[in-house]
Amino acid sequence: EWVQDEYHSNYTSAPVDGSGWCVTSGCPPDQSNSTSRVLRGGGWATRADNLRVTYRISNSPSYQSHGVGGRLSRDLH
């Protein structure tokens, strides 16, 4: 699934409050430029070792595939 963060090779200087890590193009992702974004987890056709939520890769925000999507969420306050 797509997440809000821009891709960084490590977590140095990452936000610790759960907010998106968007430095160059702002948030949310629909305001992005060509900056790579993070894809996490895997789908039905993914190798087993790539199914964990900790698995992440980078891709252009314009990338599309039948195995890539989003997950809706909301606060329970």
PDB file of N, CA and C in Angstrom:
ATOM      1  N   GLU A   1       0.835  -1.179   0.000  1.00  0.00           N
ATOM      2  CA  GLU A   1       0.000   0.000   0.000  1.00  0.00           C
ATOM      3  C   GLU A   1       0.880   1.242   0.000  1.00  0.00           C
ATOM      4  N   TRP A   2       0.355   2.307  -0.578  1.00  0.00           N
ATOM      5  CA  TRP A   2       1.037   3.591  -0.540  1.00  0.00           C
ATOM      6  C   TRP A   2       0.935   4.161   0.868  1.00  0.00           C
ATOM      7  N   VAL A   3       1.985   4.798   1.327  1.00  0.00           N
ATOM      8  CA  VAL A   3       1.922   5.552   2.575  1.00  0.00           C
ATOM      9  C   VAL A   3       2.303   6.993   2.285  1.00  0.00           C
ATOM     10  N   GLN A   4       2.096   7.880   3.225  1.00  0.00           N
ATOM     11  CA  GLN A   4       2.271   9.304   2.999  1.00  0.00           C
ATOM     12  C   GLN A   4       3.731   9.718   2.855  1.00  0.00           C
ATOM     13  N   ASP A   5       4.654   8.985   3.425  1.00  0.00           N
ATOM     14  CA  ASP A   5       6.059   9.393   3.493  1.00  0.00           C
ATOM     15  C   ASP A   5       6.761   9.449   2.143  1.00  0.00           C
ATOM     16  N   GLU A   6       7.651  10.445   2.016  1.00  0.00           N
ATOM     17  CA  GLU A   6       8.630  10.422   0.943  1.00  0.00           C
ATOM     18  C   GLU A   6       9.649   9.349   1.311  1.00  0.00           C
ATOM     19  N   TYR A   7      10.283   8.744   0.316  1.00  0.00           N
ATOM     20  CA  TYR A   7      11.239   7.669   0.587  1.00  0.00           C
ATOM     21  C   TYR A   7      12.565   8.235   1.074  1.00  0.00           C
ATOM     22  N   HIS A   8      13.104   7.631   2.132  1.00  0.00           N
ATOM     23  CA  HIS A   8      14.439   7.902   2.642  1.00  0.00           C
ATOM     24  C   HIS A   8      15.105   6.548   2.852  1.00  0.00           C
ATOM     25  N   SER A   9      16.393   6.458   2.635  1.00  0.00           N
ATOM     26  CA  SER A   9      17.077   5.166   2.732  1.00  0.00           C
ATOM     27  C   SER A   9      17.196   4.658   4.163  1.00  0.00           C
ATOM     28  N   ASN A  10      17.043   5.549   5.165  1.00  0.00           N
ATOM     29  CA  ASN A  10      17.083   5.130   6.564  1.00  0.00           C
ATOM     30  C   ASN A  10      16.157   6.040   7.370  1.00  0.00           C
ATOM     31  N   TYR A  11      16.111   5.844   8.666  1.00  0.00           N
ATOM     32  CA  TYR A  11      15.173   6.589   9.507  1.00  0.00           C
ATOM     33  C   TYR A  11      15.819   7.756  10.260  1.00  0.00           C
ATOM     34  N   THR A  12      17.025   8.140   9.888  1.00  0.00           N
ATOM     35  CA  THR A  12      17.685   9.279  10.511  1.00  0.00           C
ATOM     36  C   THR A  12      16.854  10.544  10.282  1.00  0.00           C
ATOM     37  N   SER A  13      16.538  11.249  11.333  1.00  0.00           N
ATOM     38  CA  SER A  13      15.739  12.489  11.314  1.00  0.00           C
ATOM     39  C   SER A  13      14.261  12.272  10.994  1.00  0.00           C
ATOM     40  N   ALA A  14      13.789  11.038  11.074  1.00  0.00           N
ATOM     41  CA  ALA A  14      12.368  10.758  10.826  1.00  0.00           C
ATOM     42  C   ALA A  14      11.513  11.324  11.959  1.00  0.00           C
ATOM     43  N   PRO A  15      10.276  11.747  11.667  1.00  0.00           N
ATOM     44  CA  PRO A  15       9.389  12.222  12.733  1.00  0.00           C
ATOM     45  C   PRO A  15       9.104  11.094  13.730  1.00  0.00           C
ATOM     46  N   VAL A  16       8.994  11.442  14.981  1.00  0.00           N
ATOM     47  CA  VAL A  16       8.720  10.431  16.003  1.00  0.00           C
ATOM     48  C   VAL A  16       7.275  10.505  16.496  1.00  0.00           C
ATOM     49  N   ASP A  17       6.481  11.407  15.919  1.00  0.00           N
ATOM     50  CA  ASP A  17       5.099  11.585  16.377  1.00  0.00           C
ATOM     51  C   ASP A  17       4.066  10.898  15.481  1.00  0.00           C
ATOM     52  N   GLY A  18       4.525  10.088  14.519  1.00  0.00           N
ATOM     53  CA  GLY A  18       3.602   9.380  13.637  1.00  0.00           C
ATOM     54  C   GLY A  18       3.177  10.173  12.417  1.00  0.00           C
ATOM     55  N   SER A  19       3.648  11.400  12.276  1.00  0.00           N
ATOM     56  CA  SER A  19       3.280  12.213  11.114  1.00  0.00           C
ATOM     57  C   SER A  19       4.042  11.752   9.875  1.00  0.00           C
ATOM     58  N   GLY A  20       3.544  12.141   8.711  1.00  0.00           N
ATOM     59  CA  GLY A  20       4.198  11.791   7.464  1.00  0.00           C
ATOM     60  C   GLY A  20       5.537  12.499   7.319  1.00  0.00           C
ATOM     61  N   TRP A  21       6.486  11.841   6.679  1.00  0.00           N
ATOM     62  CA  TRP A  21       7.822  12.391   6.482  1.00  0.00           C
ATOM     63  C   TRP A  21       7.891  12.986   5.086  1.00  0.00           C
ATOM     64  N   CYS A  22       7.416  14.201   4.940  1.00  0.00           N
ATOM     65  CA  CYS A  22       7.339  14.869   3.651  1.00  0.00           C
ATOM     66  C   CYS A  22       8.164  16.151   3.708  1.00  0.00           C
ATOM     67  N   VAL A  23       9.329  16.125   3.101  1.00  0.00           N
ATOM     68  CA  VAL A  23      10.263  17.238   3.199  1.00  0.00           C
ATOM     69  C   VAL A  23      10.195  18.151   1.984  1.00  0.00           C
ATOM     70  N   THR A  24      10.333  17.591   0.787  1.00  0.00           N
ATOM     71  CA  THR A  24      10.505  18.422  -0.402  1.00  0.00           C
ATOM     72  C   THR A  24       9.218  18.846  -1.070  1.00  0.00           C
ATOM     73  N   SER A  25       8.169  18.066  -0.952  1.00  0.00           N
ATOM     74  CA  SER A  25       6.981  18.379  -1.736  1.00  0.00           C
ATOM     75  C   SER A  25       5.726  18.605  -0.912  1.00  0.00           C
ATOM     76  N   GLY A  26       5.812  18.495   0.393  1.00  0.00           N
ATOM     77  CA  GLY A  26       4.632  18.688   1.221  1.00  0.00           C
ATOM     78  C   GLY A  26       3.750  17.453   1.252  1.00  0.00           C
ATOM     79  N   CYS A  27       2.767  17.485   2.096  1.00  0.00           N
ATOM     80  CA  CYS A  27       1.823  16.387   2.248  1.00  0.00           C
ATOM     81  C   CYS A  27       0.444  16.917   1.922  1.00  0.00           C
ATOM     82  N   PRO A  28      -0.488  16.170   1.495  1.00  0.00           N
ATOM     83  CA  PRO A  28      -0.464  14.732   1.239  1.00  0.00           C
ATOM     84  C   PRO A  28       0.156  14.384  -0.118  1.00  0.00           C
ATOM     85  N   PRO A  29       0.260  13.062  -0.410  1.00  0.00           N
ATOM     86  CA  PRO A  29       0.912  12.620  -1.644  1.00  0.00           C
ATOM     87  C   PRO A  29       0.311  13.188  -2.928  1.00  0.00           C
ATOM     88  N   ASP A  30      -0.949  13.581  -2.942  1.00  0.00           N
ATOM     89  CA  ASP A  30      -1.523  14.116  -4.180  1.00  0.00           C
ATOM     90  C   ASP A  30      -0.953  15.491  -4.524  1.00  0.00           C
ATOM     91  N   GLN A  31      -0.131  16.053  -3.646  1.00  0.00           N
ATOM     92  CA  GLN A  31       0.556  17.305  -3.932  1.00  0.00           C
ATOM     93  C   GLN A  31       2.005  17.062  -4.297  1.00  0.00           C
ATOM     94  N   SER A  32       2.365  15.817  -4.539  1.00  0.00           N
ATOM     95  CA  SER A  32       3.769  15.469  -4.741  1.00  0.00           C
ATOM     96  C   SER A  32       4.261  15.798  -6.137  1.00  0.00           C
ATOM     97  N   ASN A  33       5.574  15.909  -6.226  1.00  0.00           N
ATOM     98  CA  ASN A  33       6.215  16.040  -7.531  1.00  0.00           C
ATOM     99  C   ASN A  33       6.837  14.698  -7.861  1.00  0.00           C
ATOM    100  N   SER A  34       8.003  14.663  -8.432  1.00  0.00           N
ATOM    101  CA  SER A  34       8.607  13.394  -8.832  1.00  0.00           C
ATOM    102  C   SER A  34       9.327  12.697  -7.686  1.00  0.00           C
ATOM    103  N   THR A  35       9.250  13.217  -6.472  1.00  0.00           N
ATOM    104  CA  THR A  35       9.905  12.602  -5.327  1.00  0.00           C
ATOM    105  C   THR A  35       9.368  11.196  -5.107  1.00  0.00           C
ATOM    106  N   SER A  36      10.270  10.261  -4.834  1.00  0.00           N
ATOM    107  CA  SER A  36       9.854   8.887  -4.580  1.00  0.00           C
ATOM    108  C   SER A  36       9.038   8.797  -3.307  1.00  0.00           C
ATOM    109  N   ARG A  37       8.021   7.960  -3.337  1.00  0.00           N
ATOM    110  CA  ARG A  37       7.164   7.703  -2.188  1.00  0.00           C
ATOM    111  C   ARG A  37       7.349   6.266  -1.728  1.00  0.00           C
ATOM    112  N   VAL A  38       6.830   5.952  -0.559  1.00  0.00           N
ATOM    113  CA  VAL A  38       7.018   4.636   0.048  1.00  0.00           C
ATOM    114  C   VAL A  38       5.823   3.731  -0.239  1.00  0.00           C
ATOM    115  N   LEU A  39       6.128   2.512  -0.638  1.00  0.00           N
ATOM    116  CA  LEU A  39       5.152   1.421  -0.730  1.00  0.00           C
ATOM    117  C   LEU A  39       5.525   0.413   0.346  1.00  0.00           C
ATOM    118  N   ARG A  40       4.536  -0.041   1.119  1.00  0.00           N
ATOM    119  CA  ARG A  40       4.790  -0.998   2.202  1.00  0.00           C
ATOM    120  C   ARG A  40       3.969  -2.263   2.026  1.00  0.00           C
ATOM    121  N   GLY A  41       4.505  -3.357   2.579  1.00  0.00           N
ATOM    122  CA  GLY A  41       3.781  -4.620   2.592  1.00  0.00           C
ATOM    123  C   GLY A  41       3.763  -5.283   1.233  1.00  0.00           C
ATOM    124  N   GLY A  42       2.806  -6.154   1.036  1.00  0.00           N
ATOM    125  CA  GLY A  42       2.715  -6.886  -0.212  1.00  0.00           C
ATOM    126  C   GLY A  42       1.289  -7.311  -0.490  1.00  0.00           C
ATOM    127  N   GLY A  43       1.098  -7.970  -1.618  1.00  0.00           N
ATOM    128  CA  GLY A  43      -0.223  -8.411  -2.041  1.00  0.00           C
ATOM    129  C   GLY A  43      -0.247  -9.896  -2.325  1.00  0.00           C
ATOM    130  N   TRP A  44      -1.287 -10.341  -2.968  1.00  0.00           N
ATOM    131  CA  TRP A  44      -1.494 -11.770  -3.213  1.00  0.00           C
ATOM    132  C   TRP A  44      -0.396 -12.399  -4.066  1.00  0.00           C
ATOM    133  N   ALA A  45       0.288 -11.629  -4.898  1.00  0.00           N
ATOM    134  CA  ALA A  45       1.322 -12.187  -5.772  1.00  0.00           C
ATOM    135  C   ALA A  45       2.735 -11.884  -5.269  1.00  0.00           C
ATOM    136  N   THR A  46       2.866 -11.447  -4.019  1.00  0.00           N
ATOM    137  CA  THR A  46       4.151 -11.058  -3.458  1.00  0.00           C
ATOM    138  C   THR A  46       4.831 -12.234  -2.779  1.00  0.00           C
ATOM    139  N   ARG A  47       6.161 -12.273  -2.878  1.00  0.00           N
ATOM    140  CA  ARG A  47       6.921 -13.311  -2.177  1.00  0.00           C
ATOM    141  C   ARG A  47       6.667 -13.196  -0.678  1.00  0.00           C
ATOM    142  N   ALA A  48       6.695 -14.302   0.024  1.00  0.00           N
ATOM    143  CA  ALA A  48       6.366 -14.337   1.450  1.00  0.00           C
ATOM    144  C   ALA A  48       7.245 -13.403   2.279  1.00  0.00           C
ATOM    145  N   ASP A  49       8.536 -13.290   1.949  1.00  0.00           N
ATOM    146  CA  ASP A  49       9.416 -12.439   2.752  1.00  0.00           C
ATOM    147  C   ASP A  49       9.148 -10.946   2.542  1.00  0.00           C
ATOM    148  N   ASN A  50       8.313 -10.599   1.575  1.00  0.00           N
ATOM    149  CA  ASN A  50       7.974  -9.195   1.334  1.00  0.00           C
ATOM    150  C   ASN A  50       6.564  -8.825   1.814  1.00  0.00           C
ATOM    151  N   LEU A  51       5.910  -9.716   2.532  1.00  0.00           N
ATOM    152  CA  LEU A  51       4.544  -9.465   2.989  1.00  0.00           C
ATOM    153  C   LEU A  51       4.469  -8.671   4.293  1.00  0.00           C
ATOM    154  N   ARG A  52       5.575  -8.540   4.986  1.00  0.00           N
ATOM    155  CA  ARG A  52       5.574  -7.812   6.258  1.00  0.00           C
ATOM    156  C   ARG A  52       5.395  -6.319   6.029  1.00  0.00           C
ATOM    157  N   VAL A  53       4.731  -5.642   6.959  1.00  0.00           N
ATOM    158  CA  VAL A  53       4.519  -4.195   6.852  1.00  0.00           C
ATOM    159  C   VAL A  53       5.853  -3.444   6.939  1.00  0.00           C
ATOM    160  N   THR A  54       6.869  -4.068   7.501  1.00  0.00           N
ATOM    161  CA  THR A  54       8.181  -3.427   7.580  1.00  0.00           C
ATOM    162  C   THR A  54       8.911  -3.438   6.247  1.00  0.00           C
ATOM    163  N   TYR A  55       8.461  -4.267   5.303  1.00  0.00           N
ATOM    164  CA  TYR A  55       9.046  -4.270   3.963  1.00  0.00           C
ATOM    165  C   TYR A  55       8.614  -2.999   3.257  1.00  0.00           C
ATOM    166  N   ARG A  56       9.559  -2.283   2.683  1.00  0.00           N
ATOM    167  CA  ARG A  56       9.212  -1.051   1.986  1.00  0.00           C
ATOM    168  C   ARG A  56      10.117  -0.860   0.785  1.00  0.00           C
ATOM    169  N   ILE A  57       9.562  -0.256  -0.234  1.00  0.00           N
ATOM    170  CA  ILE A  57      10.309   0.102  -1.435  1.00  0.00           C
ATOM    171  C   ILE A  57       9.895   1.519  -1.833  1.00  0.00           C
ATOM    172  N   SER A  58      10.631   2.084  -2.764  1.00  0.00           N
ATOM    173  CA  SER A  58      10.270   3.414  -3.240  1.00  0.00           C
ATOM    174  C   SER A  58       9.785   3.335  -4.676  1.00  0.00           C
ATOM    175  N   ASN A  59       8.935   4.269  -5.030  1.00  0.00           N
ATOM    176  CA  ASN A  59       8.460   4.358  -6.397  1.00  0.00           C
ATOM    177  C   ASN A  59       7.923   5.750  -6.643  1.00  0.00           C
ATOM    178  N   SER A  60       7.779   6.082  -7.905  1.00  0.00           N
ATOM    179  CA  SER A  60       7.211   7.364  -8.295  1.00  0.00           C
ATOM    180  C   SER A  60       5.736   7.405  -7.922  1.00  0.00           C
ATOM    181  N   PRO A  61       5.219   8.562  -7.497  1.00  0.00           N
ATOM    182  CA  PRO A  61       3.794   8.667  -7.174  1.00  0.00           C
ATOM    183  C   PRO A  61       2.878   8.325  -8.348  1.00  0.00           C
ATOM    184  N   SER A  62       3.393   8.352  -9.555  1.00  0.00           N
ATOM    185  CA  SER A  62       2.570   8.030 -10.721  1.00  0.00           C
ATOM    186  C   SER A  62       2.530   6.531 -11.021  1.00  0.00           C
ATOM    187  N   TYR A  63       3.294   5.705 -10.289  1.00  0.00           N
ATOM    188  CA  TYR A  63       3.325   4.265 -10.511  1.00  0.00           C
ATOM    189  C   TYR A  63       1.954   3.652 -10.254  1.00  0.00           C
ATOM    190  N   GLN A  64       1.530   2.768 -11.134  1.00  0.00           N
ATOM    191  CA  GLN A  64       0.259   2.073 -10.982  1.00  0.00           C
ATOM    192  C   GLN A  64       0.449   0.585 -11.224  1.00  0.00           C
ATOM    193  N   SER A  65      -0.283  -0.223 -10.473  1.00  0.00           N
ATOM    194  CA  SER A  65      -0.236  -1.668 -10.619  1.00  0.00           C
ATOM    195  C   SER A  65      -1.484  -2.248  -9.966  1.00  0.00           C
ATOM    196  N   HIS A  66      -1.925  -3.426 -10.433  1.00  0.00           N
ATOM    197  CA  HIS A  66      -3.088  -4.073  -9.825  1.00  0.00           C
ATOM    198  C   HIS A  66      -2.805  -4.511  -8.396  1.00  0.00           C
ATOM    199  N   GLY A  67      -1.536  -4.580  -8.006  1.00  0.00           N
ATOM    200  CA  GLY A  67      -1.177  -5.009  -6.663  1.00  0.00           C
ATOM    201  C   GLY A  67      -0.854  -3.873  -5.710  1.00  0.00           C
ATOM    202  N   VAL A  68      -1.115  -2.633  -6.127  1.00  0.00           N
ATOM    203  CA  VAL A  68      -0.787  -1.469  -5.298  1.00  0.00           C
ATOM    204  C   VAL A  68      -2.053  -0.676  -5.025  1.00  0.00           C
ATOM    205  N   GLY A  69      -2.238  -0.301  -3.770  1.00  0.00           N
ATOM    206  CA  GLY A  69      -3.420   0.478  -3.433  1.00  0.00           C
ATOM    207  C   GLY A  69      -3.241   1.214  -2.133  1.00  0.00           C
ATOM    208  N   GLY A  70      -4.330   1.545  -1.502  1.00  0.00           N
ATOM    209  CA  GLY A  70      -4.303   2.266  -0.238  1.00  0.00           C
ATOM    210  C   GLY A  70      -5.180   1.567   0.769  1.00  0.00           C
ATOM    211  N   ARG A  71      -5.132   2.044   1.966  1.00  0.00           N
ATOM    212  CA  ARG A  71      -5.956   1.497   3.035  1.00  0.00           C
ATOM    213  C   ARG A  71      -6.591   2.668   3.757  1.00  0.00           C
ATOM    214  N   LEU A  72      -7.888   2.654   3.868  1.00  0.00           N
ATOM    215  CA  LEU A  72      -8.600   3.727   4.553  1.00  0.00           C
ATOM    216  C   LEU A  72      -8.472   3.547   6.060  1.00  0.00           C
ATOM    217  N   SER A  73      -8.346   4.658   6.755  1.00  0.00           N
ATOM    218  CA  SER A  73      -8.297   4.607   8.217  1.00  0.00           C
ATOM    219  C   SER A  73      -8.910   5.871   8.783  1.00  0.00           C
ATOM    220  N   ARG A  74      -9.199   5.832  10.061  1.00  0.00           N
ATOM    221  CA  ARG A  74      -9.724   7.022  10.728  1.00  0.00           C
ATOM    222  C   ARG A  74      -9.382   6.966  12.201  1.00  0.00           C
ATOM    223  N   ASP A  75      -9.373   8.119  12.838  1.00  0.00           N
ATOM    224  CA  ASP A  75      -9.143   8.201  14.273  1.00  0.00           C
ATOM    225  C   ASP A  75     -10.397   7.714  15.004  1.00  0.00           C
ATOM    226  N   LEU A  76     -10.210   7.113  16.146  1.00  0.00           N
ATOM    227  CA  LEU A  76     -11.339   6.642  16.939  1.00  0.00           C
ATOM    228  C   LEU A  76     -11.618   7.540  18.129  1.00  0.00           C
ATOM    229  N   HIS A  77     -11.299   8.804  18.000  1.00  0.00           N
ATOM    230  CA  HIS A  77     -11.517   9.770  19.090  1.00  0.00           C
ATOM    231  C   HIS A  77     -12.951  10.155  19.187  1.00  0.00           C
TER     232      HIS A  77
END
